[in-house]
Amino acid sequence: MALFPIRPVIVASALLAIVASSMAESNSFENVNGGINYLHYFGRDGQPSFNSYLLSVGSNIFNDDISVDLRTEFGDEQDSTNTYNLLEAGLRGQVQIPSSDVFSVYVRAAAGQFWQSVDTDFPFWSIEPGVSVNFSNTVTGNFGYRYRNAFDSNKHEFESNTAVVAIEWMPTRNHGINILYQYAAKDQKYDMVGIGYAYSF
């Protein structure tokens, strides 16, 4: 099993360079954000349930229209010694709907590497279009659809069609709380609920 897969490391390094460049241009961390989440996956149709922890860091570039992020997730299967780790680099573009201060449309594309303790690792990709809603000055929501699959889909059963919901409350400029929900079908079948803390510099 490859410990440091080449493609995801190259992608992650490139995005880290973009984040660092953005920070250097502004001479501050004002474009950088990060977060930590606890996630619970309820497996369906005989699939296992997992407790997971997600760490993320990102940066806005070109104002708020384009952003990059890095995510890593570690999970352990309930009543089992099986664990997994996921590393993902993403690029998101967002456009405000004309004549509306409430609705925006976005697309996030990502690629990464998945490891499992049962001696399995492989690269994957995903695409997620969606709608962002400003409910108020402090509450926003993202409602999307994510398609994710392994690059070698004939060898690895990793395909999923997922409804994605994320609600974030930012009572201050720097601190926020978010609630997550996902419903996945196809090879992966689960309901996921999560809660987390977000920080913006």
C-alpha atoms as a PDB file:
ATOM      1  CA  MET A   1       0.000   0.000   0.000  1.00  0.00           C
ATOM      2  CA  ALA A   2       1.485   3.365  -1.059  1.00  0.00           C
ATOM      3  CA  LEU A   3       2.069   5.569   1.942  1.00  0.00           C
ATOM      4  CA  PHE A   4       2.489   8.814  -0.006  1.00  0.00           C
ATOM      5  CA  PRO A   5       0.522   8.614  -3.279  1.00  0.00           C
ATOM      6  CA  ILE A   6       1.971  10.906  -5.943  1.00  0.00           C
ATOM      7  CA  ARG A   7      -1.069  12.504  -7.590  1.00  0.00           C
ATOM      8  CA  PRO A   8      -2.881  13.729  -4.452  1.00  0.00           C
ATOM      9  CA  VAL A   9       0.369  15.052  -2.988  1.00  0.00           C
ATOM     10  CA  ILE A  10       1.020  17.063  -6.162  1.00  0.00           C
ATOM     11  CA  VAL A  11      -2.518  18.463  -6.126  1.00  0.00           C
ATOM     12  CA  ALA A  12      -2.335  19.264  -2.407  1.00  0.00           C
ATOM     13  CA  SER A  13       1.070  20.926  -2.820  1.00  0.00           C
ATOM     14  CA  ALA A  14      -0.201  23.070  -5.681  1.00  0.00           C
ATOM     15  CA  LEU A  15      -3.196  24.232  -3.686  1.00  0.00           C
ATOM     16  CA  LEU A  16      -1.036  24.947  -0.655  1.00  0.00           C
ATOM     17  CA  ALA A  17       1.137  27.110  -2.903  1.00  0.00           C
ATOM     18  CA  ILE A  18      -1.945  29.019  -4.049  1.00  0.00           C
ATOM     19  CA  VAL A  19      -3.039  29.542  -0.434  1.00  0.00           C
ATOM     20  CA  ALA A  20       0.449  30.716   0.565  1.00  0.00           C
ATOM     21  CA  SER A  21       0.601  33.066  -2.422  1.00  0.00           C
ATOM     22  CA  SER A  22      -2.790  34.535  -1.544  1.00  0.00           C
ATOM     23  CA  MET A  23      -1.654  35.103   2.043  1.00  0.00           C
ATOM     24  CA  ALA A  24       1.614  36.674   0.909  1.00  0.00           C
ATOM     25  CA  GLU A  25      -0.139  39.126  -1.409  1.00  0.00           C
ATOM     26  CA  SER A  26      -2.406  40.347   1.376  1.00  0.00           C
ATOM     27  CA  ASN A  27       0.438  40.083   3.934  1.00  0.00           C
ATOM     28  CA  SER A  28      -2.022  38.545   6.399  1.00  0.00           C
ATOM     29  CA  PHE A  29      -4.249  35.566   7.115  1.00  0.00           C
ATOM     30  CA  GLU A  30      -7.465  37.472   6.331  1.00  0.00           C
ATOM     31  CA  ASN A  31      -8.361  35.170   3.408  1.00  0.00           C
ATOM     32  CA  VAL A  32      -7.746  31.949   5.326  1.00  0.00           C
ATOM     33  CA  ASN A  33     -10.368  29.809   7.069  1.00  0.00           C
ATOM     34  CA  GLY A  34     -10.378  26.443   8.817  1.00  0.00           C
ATOM     35  CA  GLY A  35     -12.571  24.094  10.752  1.00  0.00           C
ATOM     36  CA  ILE A  36     -13.026  20.851  12.636  1.00  0.00           C
ATOM     37  CA  ASN A  37     -16.088  18.597  12.482  1.00  0.00           C
ATOM     38  CA  TYR A  38     -17.391  15.474  14.164  1.00  0.00           C
ATOM     39  CA  LEU A  39     -19.301  13.264  11.705  1.00  0.00           C
ATOM     40  CA  HIS A  40     -21.375  10.144  12.214  1.00  0.00           C
ATOM     41  CA  TYR A  41     -22.190   7.899   9.256  1.00  0.00           C
ATOM     42  CA  PHE A  42     -25.271   5.696   9.679  1.00  0.00           C
ATOM     43  CA  GLY A  43     -24.783   2.808   7.255  1.00  0.00           C
ATOM     44  CA  ARG A  44     -27.812   1.512   5.327  1.00  0.00           C
ATOM     45  CA  ASP A  45     -28.635  -1.851   3.748  1.00  0.00           C
ATOM     46  CA  GLY A  46     -26.078  -3.724   5.853  1.00  0.00           C
ATOM     47  CA  GLN A  47     -23.238  -1.259   5.388  1.00  0.00           C
ATOM     48  CA  PRO A  48     -21.254  -0.316   8.537  1.00  0.00           C
ATOM     49  CA  SER A  49     -21.536   2.874  10.593  1.00  0.00           C
ATOM     50  CA  PHE A  50     -18.529   5.113  11.273  1.00  0.00           C
ATOM     51  CA  ASN A  51     -17.479   7.843  13.685  1.00  0.00           C
ATOM     52  CA  SER A  52     -15.297  10.353  11.854  1.00  0.00           C
ATOM     53  CA  TYR A  53     -13.356  13.574  12.351  1.00  0.00           C
ATOM     54  CA  LEU A  54     -12.812  16.130   9.613  1.00  0.00           C
ATOM     55  CA  LEU A  55     -10.154  18.856   9.517  1.00  0.00           C
ATOM     56  CA  SER A  56     -10.143  21.505   6.794  1.00  0.00           C
ATOM     57  CA  VAL A  57      -8.241  24.620   5.777  1.00  0.00           C
ATOM     58  CA  GLY A  58      -8.926  26.906   2.848  1.00  0.00           C
ATOM     59  CA  SER A  59      -8.496  30.327   1.336  1.00  0.00           C
ATOM     60  CA  ASN A  60     -10.495  32.681  -0.853  1.00  0.00           C
ATOM     61  CA  ILE A  61      -8.753  33.856  -4.004  1.00  0.00           C
ATOM     62  CA  PHE A  62     -10.085  36.414  -6.474  1.00  0.00           C
ATOM     63  CA  ASN A  63     -12.378  37.926  -3.826  1.00  0.00           C
ATOM     64  CA  ASP A  64     -15.073  35.443  -2.750  1.00  0.00           C
ATOM     65  CA  ASP A  65     -15.693  34.007  -6.222  1.00  0.00           C
ATOM     66  CA  ILE A  66     -13.026  31.275  -6.158  1.00  0.00           C
ATOM     67  CA  SER A  67     -11.649  29.349  -3.184  1.00  0.00           C
ATOM     68  CA  VAL A  68      -9.340  26.409  -2.584  1.00  0.00           C
ATOM     69  CA  ASP A  69      -9.383  23.955   0.312  1.00  0.00           C
ATOM     70  CA  LEU A  70      -7.662  20.928   1.776  1.00  0.00           C
ATOM     71  CA  ARG A  71      -9.594  18.351   3.805  1.00  0.00           C
ATOM     72  CA  THR A  72      -8.531  15.294   5.730  1.00  0.00           C
ATOM     73  CA  GLU A  73     -10.948  12.875   7.370  1.00  0.00           C
ATOM     74  CA  PHE A  74     -10.269   9.987   9.742  1.00  0.00           C
ATOM     75  CA  GLY A  75     -12.956   7.477  10.670  1.00  0.00           C
ATOM     76  CA  ASP A  76     -13.304   4.229  12.609  1.00  0.00           C
ATOM     77  CA  GLU A  77     -15.992   1.629  12.088  1.00  0.00           C
ATOM     78  CA  GLN A  78     -18.265   0.916  15.021  1.00  0.00           C
ATOM     79  CA  ASP A  79     -17.641  -2.441  16.719  1.00  0.00           C
ATOM     80  CA  SER A  80     -14.637  -3.087  14.478  1.00  0.00           C
ATOM     81  CA  THR A  81     -10.940  -2.331  14.127  1.00  0.00           C
ATOM     82  CA  ASN A  82     -11.451  -1.113  10.552  1.00  0.00           C
ATOM     83  CA  THR A  83     -10.386   2.512   9.982  1.00  0.00           C
ATOM     84  CA  TYR A  84     -10.027   4.834   7.001  1.00  0.00           C
ATOM     85  CA  ASN A  85      -8.381   8.108   6.086  1.00  0.00           C
ATOM     86  CA  LEU A  86      -9.220  10.482   3.280  1.00  0.00           C
ATOM     87  CA  LEU A  87      -7.166  13.387   1.890  1.00  0.00           C
ATOM     88  CA  GLU A  88      -8.854  15.747  -0.550  1.00  0.00           C
ATOM     89  CA  ALA A  89      -7.970  18.982  -2.373  1.00  0.00           C
ATOM     90  CA  GLY A  90     -10.803  21.082  -3.772  1.00  0.00           C
ATOM     91  CA  LEU A  91     -11.430  24.106  -5.984  1.00  0.00           C
ATOM     92  CA  ARG A  92     -14.749  25.964  -5.726  1.00  0.00           C
ATOM     93  CA  GLY A  93     -16.240  28.703  -7.908  1.00  0.00           C
ATOM     94  CA  GLN A  94     -19.295  30.707  -6.891  1.00  0.00           C
ATOM     95  CA  VAL A  95     -21.408  33.229  -8.810  1.00  0.00           C
ATOM     96  CA  GLN A  96     -24.077  35.517  -7.362  1.00  0.00           C
ATOM     97  CA  ILE A  97     -27.419  35.221  -9.128  1.00  0.00           C
ATOM     98  CA  PRO A  98     -28.104  38.574 -10.834  1.00  0.00           C
ATOM     99  CA  SER A  99     -30.460  40.957  -8.985  1.00  0.00           C
ATOM    100  CA  SER A 100     -30.360  38.718  -5.880  1.00  0.00           C
ATOM    101  CA  ASP A 101     -28.488  39.212  -2.615  1.00  0.00           C
ATOM    102  CA  VAL A 102     -29.755  35.861  -1.310  1.00  0.00           C
ATOM    103  CA  PHE A 103     -28.922  33.162  -3.861  1.00  0.00           C
ATOM    104  CA  SER A 104     -25.634  32.062  -5.438  1.00  0.00           C
ATOM    105  CA  VAL A 105     -24.732  29.026  -7.507  1.00  0.00           C
ATOM    106  CA  TYR A 106     -21.472  27.128  -6.972  1.00  0.00           C
ATOM    107  CA  VAL A 107     -19.455  24.199  -8.284  1.00  0.00           C
ATOM    108  CA  ARG A 108     -16.741  22.412  -6.306  1.00  0.00           C
ATOM    109  CA  ALA A 109     -14.357  19.965  -7.971  1.00  0.00           C
ATOM    110  CA  ALA A 110     -12.003  17.822  -5.903  1.00  0.00           C
ATOM    111  CA  ALA A 111      -9.481  14.993  -6.104  1.00  0.00           C
ATOM    112  CA  GLY A 112      -7.811  12.986  -3.401  1.00  0.00           C
ATOM    113  CA  GLN A 113      -6.700   9.674  -1.960  1.00  0.00           C
ATOM    114  CA  PHE A 114      -8.598   7.144   0.141  1.00  0.00           C
ATOM    115  CA  TRP A 115      -6.866   4.701   2.511  1.00  0.00           C
ATOM    116  CA  GLN A 116      -8.462   1.851   4.447  1.00  0.00           C
ATOM    117  CA  SER A 117      -6.905  -0.372   7.095  1.00  0.00           C
ATOM    118  CA  VAL A 118      -7.858  -3.489   5.119  1.00  0.00           C
ATOM    119  CA  ASP A 119      -4.892  -2.782   2.809  1.00  0.00           C
ATOM    120  CA  THR A 120      -6.808  -0.669   0.318  1.00  0.00           C
ATOM    121  CA  ASP A 121      -5.860   2.716  -1.115  1.00  0.00           C
ATOM    122  CA  PHE A 122      -6.806   4.486  -4.336  1.00  0.00           C
ATOM    123  CA  PRO A 123      -7.279   7.978  -5.811  1.00  0.00           C
ATOM    124  CA  PHE A 124     -10.750   9.436  -6.343  1.00  0.00           C
ATOM    125  CA  TRP A 125     -12.449  12.533  -7.746  1.00  0.00           C
ATOM    126  CA  SER A 126     -15.703  14.383  -7.158  1.00  0.00           C
ATOM    127  CA  ILE A 127     -17.864  17.159  -8.569  1.00  0.00           C
ATOM    128  CA  GLU A 128     -20.484  19.074  -6.567  1.00  0.00           C
ATOM    129  CA  PRO A 129     -22.845  21.691  -8.040  1.00  0.00           C
ATOM    130  CA  GLY A 130     -25.189  23.470  -5.668  1.00  0.00           C
ATOM    131  CA  VAL A 131     -26.963  26.583  -4.446  1.00  0.00           C
ATOM    132  CA  SER A 132     -25.821  28.846  -1.606  1.00  0.00           C
ATOM    133  CA  VAL A 133     -28.486  30.772   0.337  1.00  0.00           C
ATOM    134  CA  ASN A 134     -27.964  33.765   2.615  1.00  0.00           C
ATOM    135  CA  PHE A 135     -30.764  33.390   5.145  1.00  0.00           C
ATOM    136  CA  SER A 136     -29.489  36.408   7.092  1.00  0.00           C
ATOM    137  CA  ASN A 137     -26.279  38.314   7.760  1.00  0.00           C
ATOM    138  CA  THR A 138     -25.114  35.491  10.056  1.00  0.00           C
ATOM    139  CA  VAL A 139     -26.739  32.323   8.665  1.00  0.00           C
ATOM    140  CA  THR A 140     -25.915  30.722   5.311  1.00  0.00           C
ATOM    141  CA  GLY A 141     -26.787  27.386   3.754  1.00  0.00           C
ATOM    142  CA  ASN A 142     -25.330  25.232   0.989  1.00  0.00           C
ATOM    143  CA  PHE A 143     -27.563  22.730  -0.800  1.00  0.00           C
ATOM    144  CA  GLY A 144     -25.761  20.558  -3.317  1.00  0.00           C
ATOM    145  CA  TYR A 145     -25.439  17.268  -5.156  1.00  0.00           C
ATOM    146  CA  ARG A 146     -22.066  15.476  -5.128  1.00  0.00           C
ATOM    147  CA  TYR A 147     -20.960  12.746  -7.487  1.00  0.00           C
ATOM    148  CA  ARG A 148     -17.844  10.903  -6.307  1.00  0.00           C
ATOM    149  CA  ASN A 149     -16.011   7.901  -7.737  1.00  0.00           C
ATOM    150  CA  ALA A 150     -12.612   6.225  -7.871  1.00  0.00           C
ATOM    151  CA  PHE A 151     -10.457   6.989 -10.886  1.00  0.00           C
ATOM    152  CA  ASP A 152     -10.331   3.236 -11.467  1.00  0.00           C
ATOM    153  CA  SER A 153     -14.040   2.578 -11.007  1.00  0.00           C
ATOM    154  CA  ASN A 154     -13.761  -0.945 -12.397  1.00  0.00           C
ATOM    155  CA  LYS A 155     -11.482  -1.967  -9.543  1.00  0.00           C
ATOM    156  CA  HIS A 156     -12.914  -0.006  -6.593  1.00  0.00           C
ATOM    157  CA  GLU A 157     -16.576   0.281  -5.567  1.00  0.00           C
ATOM    158  CA  PHE A 158     -16.534   3.906  -4.439  1.00  0.00           C
ATOM    159  CA  GLU A 159     -19.245   5.500  -6.574  1.00  0.00           C
ATOM    160  CA  SER A 160     -21.828   7.614  -4.746  1.00  0.00           C
ATOM    161  CA  ASN A 161     -24.627  10.052  -5.481  1.00  0.00           C
ATOM    162  CA  THR A 162     -24.973  12.308  -2.443  1.00  0.00           C
ATOM    163  CA  ALA A 163     -27.353  15.055  -1.375  1.00  0.00           C
ATOM    164  CA  VAL A 164     -25.302  17.562   0.642  1.00  0.00           C
ATOM    165  CA  VAL A 165     -26.683  20.107   3.117  1.00  0.00           C
ATOM    166  CA  ALA A 166     -24.571  22.480   5.233  1.00  0.00           C
ATOM    167  CA  ILE A 167     -25.933  25.249   7.470  1.00  0.00           C
ATOM    168  CA  GLU A 168     -23.488  27.695   9.074  1.00  0.00           C
ATOM    169  CA  TRP A 169     -24.111  30.302  11.766  1.00  0.00           C
ATOM    170  CA  MET A 170     -21.439  32.983  12.134  1.00  0.00           C
ATOM    171  CA  PRO A 171     -22.405  35.102  15.180  1.00  0.00           C
ATOM    172  CA  THR A 172     -19.093  36.982  14.826  1.00  0.00           C
ATOM    173  CA  ARG A 173     -16.748  37.636  11.917  1.00  0.00           C
ATOM    174  CA  ASN A 174     -14.278  34.991  13.106  1.00  0.00           C
ATOM    175  CA  HIS A 175     -16.260  32.227  14.800  1.00  0.00           C
ATOM    176  CA  GLY A 176     -18.949  29.931  13.443  1.00  0.00           C
ATOM    177  CA  ILE A 177     -20.907  26.748  14.096  1.00  0.00           C
ATOM    178  CA  ASN A 178     -22.047  24.456  11.284  1.00  0.00           C
ATOM    179  CA  ILE A 179     -24.442  21.537  10.956  1.00  0.00           C
ATOM    180  CA  LEU A 180     -24.043  18.995   8.150  1.00  0.00           C
ATOM    181  CA  TYR A 181     -26.242  16.332   6.581  1.00  0.00           C
ATOM    182  CA  GLN A 182     -25.603  13.952   3.687  1.00  0.00           C
ATOM    183  CA  TYR A 183     -27.666  11.208   2.065  1.00  0.00           C
ATOM    184  CA  ALA A 184     -25.604   8.889  -0.124  1.00  0.00           C
ATOM    185  CA  ALA A 185     -26.699   6.143  -2.508  1.00  0.00           C
ATOM    186  CA  LYS A 186     -25.044   3.744  -5.003  1.00  0.00           C
ATOM    187  CA  ASP A 187     -21.923   1.828  -3.812  1.00  0.00           C
ATOM    188  CA  GLN A 188     -21.829   3.863  -0.596  1.00  0.00           C
ATOM    189  CA  LYS A 189     -25.130   3.963   1.269  1.00  0.00           C
ATOM    190  CA  TYR A 190     -25.363   6.096   4.381  1.00  0.00           C
ATOM    191  CA  ASP A 191     -26.950   9.005   6.204  1.00  0.00           C
ATOM    192  CA  MET A 192     -24.386  11.366   7.701  1.00  0.00           C
ATOM    193  CA  VAL A 193     -24.933  14.011  10.359  1.00  0.00           C
ATOM    194  CA  GLY A 194     -22.214  16.290  11.644  1.00  0.00           C
ATOM    195  CA  ILE A 195     -21.486  19.342  13.728  1.00  0.00           C
ATOM    196  CA  GLY A 196     -18.416  21.520  13.734  1.00  0.00           C
ATOM    197  CA  TYR A 197     -16.588  24.724  14.522  1.00  0.00           C
ATOM    198  CA  ALA A 198     -15.291  27.131  11.868  1.00  0.00           C
ATOM    199  CA  TYR A 199     -12.797  29.965  12.177  1.00  0.00           C
ATOM    200  CA  SER A 200     -12.092  32.738   9.669  1.00  0.00           C
ATOM    201  CA  PHE A 201      -9.056  34.985   9.968  1.00  0.00           C
END
